[in-house]
Amino acid sequence: MLIGFALSHLALNMEAFSSSKSGSRETPRSVLFQTQMADHHTDLTGADGQPHGPDSSIELAAFLRIGCDKLLCIQCSSHKATEMMSCHSNVTRSTWSESFIGDFDAHIKVFRGVTYSALCPDHAGLVGRVVAEGAYKPACAIADLKLGPKRFKTAHLDKLTRRLWDEHERGDFLIKCSDGELRAHGCVLAASSPTFSAMVSNRMLESQTSEVSLPDVRSEDVLSLLKFAYTGELSESADYSVVVCLADKYGMGSLVTLCCSRMVTHFNAENGSDYIQTLRSSENEIMRSSLRIVAGLVTSDAEMCHAILRQL
């Protein structure tokens, strides 16, 4: 994954590297922000071509304002408070799906059209210099980049799950929705949900027919749930208020948490009443906690409060 990561950035900036070797210098257009970096003295170059010190209060303020301090490390998915470094990464959603694993929004922040990623102290040395258009040049040669055993294992598992997802319509379990039918692999469903696990075992009727009927649910909403079961990803276009109820019903706690996080993030006057009613419909602790958060957002915004009350 790391090699693909480095190659994607280098491919975007071959012209910049060539001009650098010929003696000319590209003027960097972005700024690397960092908080406390301990012993990692990375070369941080800003828009003026001058290095920025690691303790700059301006950089730290911008770093926090953008929200990059909440991002997970793009290399190991870890997070170390006050020690994360963020940079303009040029990683798009399409690039992410091709070369990376995990949730895009947990690793990448899009702010005013610019994409930022984060690195933990253990991987901060991978960044050397911003060369052009905000992409960064690895501090070491491509030949020296290595993936640890954990990353190899994760990458291998990701390939397997993606292949299974690509072939889910050839699965042995049928799901009948209000507007069509979907298929999935019973073993994947069983592994991701205790309810589905019971269905595919010999304890329920569904195990004899290898099918389940969801007459009140659209296929696109079930598809969102299935994709998460296979890949751990949730599309931005998913109907969070519907998917979170499905996830709660089938005991998929991780999906409930992700849906609630998205609902809080995207909460506004237009979807507020729908989200509030959805979160109030369950005794799930995560959903109740999210309800308290959005309630706080409503009470702090009089205009939003009036708009939502008119819809309830």
Protein backbone atom coordinates (compact mmCIF):
# COMPACT_ATOMS: atom_id res chain seq x y z
CA MET A 1 0.00 0.00 0.00
CA LEU A 2 2.80 2.38 0.92
CA ILE A 3 4.57 1.79 -2.39
CA GLY A 4 1.35 2.52 -4.25
CA PHE A 5 0.95 5.63 -2.10
CA ALA A 6 4.42 6.91 -2.96
CA LEU A 7 4.05 6.10 -6.65
CA SER A 8 0.73 7.91 -6.90
CA HIS A 9 2.28 11.09 -5.54
CA LEU A 10 5.45 10.79 -7.58
CA ALA A 11 3.49 10.18 -10.78
CA LEU A 12 1.57 13.40 -10.20
CA ASN A 13 4.80 15.36 -9.88
CA MET A 14 7.30 13.95 -12.41
CA GLU A 15 7.64 17.34 -14.06
CA ALA A 16 8.47 18.96 -10.73
CA PHE A 17 11.13 16.35 -9.99
CA SER A 18 12.67 16.77 -13.44
CA SER A 19 12.95 20.53 -13.12
CA SER A 20 14.46 20.13 -9.66
CA LYS A 21 17.20 17.90 -11.03
CA SER A 22 18.00 20.36 -13.80
CA GLY A 23 18.75 23.11 -11.30
CA SER A 24 15.43 24.99 -11.37
CA ARG A 25 13.19 25.02 -8.35
CA GLU A 26 9.44 24.69 -8.17
CA THR A 27 7.75 27.06 -5.76
CA PRO A 28 5.72 24.99 -3.33
CA ARG A 29 2.09 26.03 -3.11
CA SER A 30 0.99 24.55 0.17
CA VAL A 31 1.97 24.42 3.78
CA LEU A 32 2.67 21.43 5.93
CA PHE A 33 1.16 21.81 9.38
CA GLN A 34 2.37 19.93 12.42
CA THR A 35 2.01 19.94 16.17
CA GLN A 36 4.64 18.52 18.49
CA MET A 37 6.88 16.24 16.47
CA ALA A 38 9.41 15.17 19.13
CA ASP A 39 12.51 13.89 17.30
CA HIS A 40 11.01 13.97 13.80
CA HIS A 41 12.61 17.03 12.22
CA THR A 42 10.90 16.87 8.84
CA ASP A 43 11.65 19.51 6.21
CA LEU A 44 8.49 21.62 6.25
CA THR A 45 8.25 23.98 3.30
CA GLY A 46 5.50 26.55 2.84
CA ALA A 47 4.10 28.65 0.02
CA ASP A 48 6.93 31.17 0.36
CA GLY A 49 9.56 28.49 -0.18
CA GLN A 50 10.83 28.87 3.37
CA PRO A 51 10.81 26.13 6.02
CA HIS A 52 8.30 26.44 8.84
CA GLY A 53 9.24 25.66 12.41
CA PRO A 54 7.46 22.81 14.19
CA ASP A 55 6.21 25.06 16.99
CA SER A 56 4.58 27.76 14.88
CA SER A 57 1.38 28.88 16.64
CA ILE A 58 -0.05 29.96 13.27
CA GLU A 59 0.47 26.49 11.81
CA LEU A 60 -1.00 24.81 14.86
CA ALA A 61 -4.05 27.07 14.77
CA ALA A 62 -4.62 26.30 11.09
CA PHE A 63 -4.03 22.61 11.71
CA LEU A 64 -6.70 22.54 14.42
CA ARG A 65 -9.09 24.80 12.52
CA ILE A 66 -9.08 22.50 9.51
CA GLY A 67 -9.68 19.55 11.81
CA CYS A 68 -6.74 17.47 10.63
CA ASP A 69 -5.77 16.67 14.22
CA LYS A 70 -8.67 14.20 14.22
CA LEU A 71 -7.45 12.27 11.15
CA LEU A 72 -6.01 8.77 11.39
CA CYS A 73 -2.51 8.11 10.11
CA ILE A 74 -2.68 7.39 6.38
CA GLN A 75 -0.10 4.62 6.82
CA CYS A 76 -1.12 2.72 9.94
CA SER A 77 -4.57 4.13 10.81
CA SER A 78 -3.39 5.06 14.30
CA HIS A 79 -4.03 8.35 16.09
CA LYS A 80 -1.81 10.00 18.67
CA ALA A 81 -3.25 13.16 20.18
CA THR A 82 -1.10 16.32 19.79
CA GLU A 83 1.46 14.41 17.70
CA MET A 84 -0.19 14.07 14.30
CA MET A 85 1.25 15.88 11.29
CA SER A 86 -0.97 16.96 8.42
CA CYS A 87 -0.10 17.81 4.84
CA HIS A 88 -1.73 18.57 1.51
CA SER A 89 -1.75 15.09 0.02
CA ASN A 90 -3.50 15.12 -3.38
CA VAL A 91 -5.28 11.89 -2.39
CA THR A 92 -8.71 11.83 -4.04
CA ARG A 93 -11.54 9.40 -3.42
CA SER A 94 -10.68 7.49 -6.59
CA THR A 95 -7.00 7.32 -5.63
CA TRP A 96 -7.97 6.16 -2.16
CA SER A 97 -10.15 3.30 -3.41
CA GLU A 98 -7.36 2.09 -5.68
CA SER A 99 -4.41 2.29 -3.29
CA PHE A 100 -5.61 2.55 0.31
CA ILE A 101 -7.79 0.72 2.80
CA GLY A 102 -10.23 1.92 5.41
CA ASP A 103 -12.69 4.80 5.51
CA PHE A 104 -11.72 7.77 3.31
CA ASP A 105 -13.25 10.36 5.65
CA ALA A 106 -11.40 9.02 8.67
CA HIS A 107 -8.04 9.50 6.92
CA ILE A 108 -8.59 12.42 4.53
CA LYS A 109 -9.93 15.92 5.17
CA VAL A 110 -11.23 18.02 2.29
CA PHE A 111 -11.05 21.73 3.11
CA ARG A 112 -11.87 24.40 0.50
CA GLY A 113 -11.11 22.03 -2.34
CA VAL A 114 -7.78 20.88 -0.89
CA THR A 115 -7.24 17.36 0.45
CA TYR A 116 -5.20 16.83 3.62
CA SER A 117 -3.92 13.62 5.17
CA ALA A 118 -2.15 12.91 8.45
CA LEU A 119 0.90 10.98 9.58
CA CYS A 120 1.71 9.79 13.07
CA PRO A 121 5.22 10.33 14.54
CA ASP A 122 6.25 6.82 13.49
CA HIS A 123 5.63 7.63 9.83
CA ALA A 124 6.33 11.37 9.72
CA GLY A 125 9.74 10.64 8.19
CA LEU A 126 8.03 9.50 5.00
CA VAL A 127 7.42 13.13 4.12
CA GLY A 128 10.39 15.11 2.91
CA ARG A 129 9.44 18.20 0.89
CA VAL A 130 6.41 19.67 -0.83
CA VAL A 131 7.47 19.74 -4.48
CA ALA A 132 4.49 21.05 -6.43
CA GLU A 133 0.71 21.30 -6.25
CA GLY A 134 0.89 20.26 -2.62
CA ALA A 135 2.06 16.69 -3.26
CA TYR A 136 4.96 15.59 -1.10
CA LYS A 137 8.13 13.76 -2.02
CA PRO A 138 9.05 10.74 0.15
CA ALA A 139 12.12 11.30 2.28
CA CYS A 140 13.51 7.91 1.27
CA ALA A 141 13.91 6.13 -2.06
CA ILE A 142 11.05 4.03 -3.36
CA ALA A 143 13.27 0.94 -3.17
CA ASP A 144 13.69 1.52 0.57
CA LEU A 145 9.98 1.77 1.32
CA LYS A 146 8.80 -1.31 3.14
CA LEU A 147 5.47 -2.53 4.45
CA GLY A 148 5.46 -4.12 7.88
CA PRO A 149 3.88 -7.56 8.40
CA LYS A 150 0.70 -5.98 9.74
CA ARG A 151 0.25 -3.82 6.65
CA PHE A 152 0.92 -6.77 4.34
CA LYS A 153 -1.68 -8.80 6.19
CA THR A 154 -4.19 -5.96 6.07
CA ALA A 155 -3.57 -5.38 2.36
CA HIS A 156 -4.01 -9.10 1.68
CA LEU A 157 -7.28 -9.25 3.60
CA ASP A 158 -8.49 -6.13 1.84
CA LYS A 159 -7.91 -7.73 -1.56
CA LEU A 160 -9.85 -10.80 -0.49
CA THR A 161 -12.82 -8.85 0.84
CA ARG A 162 -12.93 -6.60 -2.22
CA ARG A 163 -12.94 -9.62 -4.49
CA LEU A 164 -15.76 -11.14 -2.46
CA TRP A 165 -17.65 -7.85 -2.69
CA ASP A 166 -17.18 -7.71 -6.46
CA GLU A 167 -18.73 -11.19 -6.65
CA HIS A 168 -21.40 -10.80 -3.97
CA GLU A 169 -24.20 -11.32 -6.51
CA ARG A 170 -22.95 -14.89 -6.88
CA GLY A 171 -23.50 -15.47 -3.16
CA ASP A 172 -25.54 -18.29 -1.66
CA PHE A 173 -27.93 -16.12 0.40
CA LEU A 174 -30.87 -14.24 -1.14
CA ILE A 175 -32.21 -10.96 0.26
CA LYS A 176 -35.63 -9.86 -1.02
CA CYS A 177 -36.15 -6.09 -0.82
CA SER A 178 -39.13 -3.87 -1.63
CA ASP A 179 -37.82 -3.13 -5.12
CA GLY A 180 -35.71 -6.13 -6.05
CA GLU A 181 -33.43 -8.91 -4.89
CA LEU A 182 -29.79 -9.02 -3.80
CA ARG A 183 -27.40 -11.85 -3.13
CA ALA A 184 -24.56 -12.14 -0.66
CA HIS A 185 -22.25 -14.74 0.82
CA GLY A 186 -23.81 -16.25 3.92
CA CYS A 187 -20.42 -16.61 5.60
CA VAL A 188 -19.75 -12.87 5.28
CA LEU A 189 -23.18 -11.98 6.65
CA ALA A 190 -22.72 -14.38 9.55
CA ALA A 191 -19.31 -12.93 10.40
CA SER A 192 -20.57 -9.34 10.38
CA SER A 193 -23.89 -9.72 12.19
CA PRO A 194 -25.09 -11.97 15.04
CA THR A 195 -28.61 -11.79 13.63
CA PHE A 196 -27.51 -12.91 10.19
CA SER A 197 -25.36 -15.55 11.86
CA ALA A 198 -28.49 -17.03 13.42
CA MET A 199 -30.29 -16.85 10.08
CA VAL A 200 -27.67 -18.86 8.20
CA SER A 201 -27.33 -21.41 11.00
CA ASN A 202 -29.86 -24.16 11.63
CA ARG A 203 -31.70 -22.20 14.32
CA MET A 204 -34.02 -20.20 12.06
CA LEU A 205 -36.28 -20.72 9.05
CA GLU A 206 -34.00 -18.60 6.85
CA SER A 207 -31.31 -21.27 7.11
CA GLN A 208 -33.58 -23.75 5.32
CA THR A 209 -34.50 -21.40 2.48
CA SER A 210 -31.21 -19.41 2.39
CA GLU A 211 -33.18 -16.21 2.01
CA VAL A 212 -34.62 -13.35 4.03
CA SER A 213 -37.43 -10.95 3.13
CA LEU A 214 -37.18 -7.22 3.87
CA PRO A 215 -40.37 -5.89 2.22
CA ASP A 216 -40.08 -2.39 3.70
CA VAL A 217 -36.45 -1.73 2.77
CA ARG A 218 -35.07 -0.50 -0.54
CA SER A 219 -32.31 -2.50 -2.22
CA GLU A 220 -29.97 0.51 -2.28
CA ASP A 221 -30.13 0.75 1.52
CA VAL A 222 -29.47 -2.97 1.94
CA LEU A 223 -26.62 -2.61 -0.54
CA SER A 224 -25.05 0.05 1.70
CA LEU A 225 -25.23 -2.36 4.63
CA LEU A 226 -23.78 -5.20 2.56
CA LYS A 227 -20.90 -3.10 1.29
CA PHE A 228 -19.95 -2.22 4.84
CA ALA A 229 -20.16 -5.89 5.84
CA TYR A 230 -17.70 -6.77 3.09
CA THR A 231 -15.36 -3.76 2.98
CA GLY A 232 -15.95 -1.64 6.08
CA GLU A 233 -16.87 1.31 3.84
CA LEU A 234 -20.00 3.45 3.74
CA SER A 235 -20.81 5.57 0.71
CA GLU A 236 -21.33 9.31 1.15
CA SER A 237 -24.57 8.93 -0.79
CA ALA A 238 -26.01 6.40 1.68
CA ASP A 239 -29.23 7.25 3.52
CA TYR A 240 -27.73 7.29 7.02
CA SER A 241 -31.06 7.44 8.83
CA VAL A 242 -32.21 4.21 7.14
CA VAL A 243 -28.88 2.38 7.22
CA VAL A 244 -28.33 3.09 10.93
CA CYS A 245 -31.69 1.46 11.73
CA LEU A 246 -30.75 -1.60 9.67
CA ALA A 247 -27.36 -1.76 11.37
CA ASP A 248 -29.01 -1.51 14.78
CA LYS A 249 -31.54 -4.21 13.89
CA TYR A 250 -28.85 -6.64 12.76
CA GLY A 251 -26.39 -5.90 15.54
CA MET A 252 -23.69 -4.28 13.40
CA GLY A 253 -22.24 -1.96 16.04
CA SER A 254 -19.40 -0.58 13.91
CA LEU A 255 -21.84 0.49 11.21
CA VAL A 256 -24.11 2.11 13.80
CA THR A 257 -21.15 4.11 15.08
CA LEU A 258 -20.10 5.21 11.59
CA CYS A 259 -23.64 6.20 10.60
CA CYS A 260 -24.09 8.21 13.79
CA SER A 261 -20.78 9.97 13.20
CA ARG A 262 -21.87 10.92 9.68
CA MET A 263 -25.30 12.05 10.90
CA VAL A 264 -23.76 14.36 13.50
CA THR A 265 -21.29 15.73 10.95
CA HIS A 266 -23.93 16.41 8.28
CA PHE A 267 -26.71 17.50 10.65
CA ASN A 268 -28.57 20.60 9.41
CA ALA A 269 -32.00 22.21 9.29
CA GLU A 270 -33.06 20.16 6.26
CA ASN A 271 -32.33 16.69 7.62
CA GLY A 272 -32.56 17.56 11.32
CA SER A 273 -36.09 16.36 12.02
CA ASP A 274 -35.50 13.07 10.20
CA TYR A 275 -32.22 12.43 12.02
CA ILE A 276 -33.71 13.30 15.42
CA GLN A 277 -36.66 10.94 14.94
CA THR A 278 -34.32 8.18 13.79
CA LEU A 279 -31.96 8.55 16.74
CA ARG A 280 -34.91 8.66 19.17
CA SER A 281 -36.32 5.40 17.80
CA SER A 282 -33.73 3.16 19.45
CA GLU A 283 -32.30 2.46 22.88
CA ASN A 284 -28.89 1.89 21.31
CA GLU A 285 -26.33 3.73 23.45
CA ILE A 286 -24.44 5.20 20.49
CA MET A 287 -27.64 6.48 18.90
CA ARG A 288 -28.80 7.98 22.19
CA SER A 289 -25.44 9.66 22.67
CA SER A 290 -25.62 11.08 19.14
CA LEU A 291 -29.13 12.33 19.88
CA ARG A 292 -27.79 14.34 22.82
CA ILE A 293 -25.10 15.83 20.59
CA VAL A 294 -27.50 16.97 17.86
CA ALA A 295 -29.91 18.26 20.50
CA GLY A 296 -27.10 20.48 21.70
CA LEU A 297 -26.56 21.72 18.14
CA VAL A 298 -30.24 22.59 17.82
CA THR A 299 -30.51 24.44 21.13
CA SER A 300 -27.44 26.51 20.27
CA ASP A 301 -28.87 27.65 16.93
CA ALA A 302 -32.24 29.45 17.19
CA GLU A 303 -32.82 29.53 13.43
CA MET A 304 -32.15 25.81 13.07
CA CYS A 305 -34.31 25.10 16.10
CA HIS A 306 -37.32 26.89 14.62
CA ALA A 307 -36.84 25.21 11.22
CA ILE A 308 -36.72 21.73 12.75
CA LEU A 309 -39.67 22.34 15.09
CA ARG A 310 -41.81 23.29 12.08
CA GLN A 311 -41.04 19.89 10.53
CA LEU A 312 -41.75 17.79 13.63
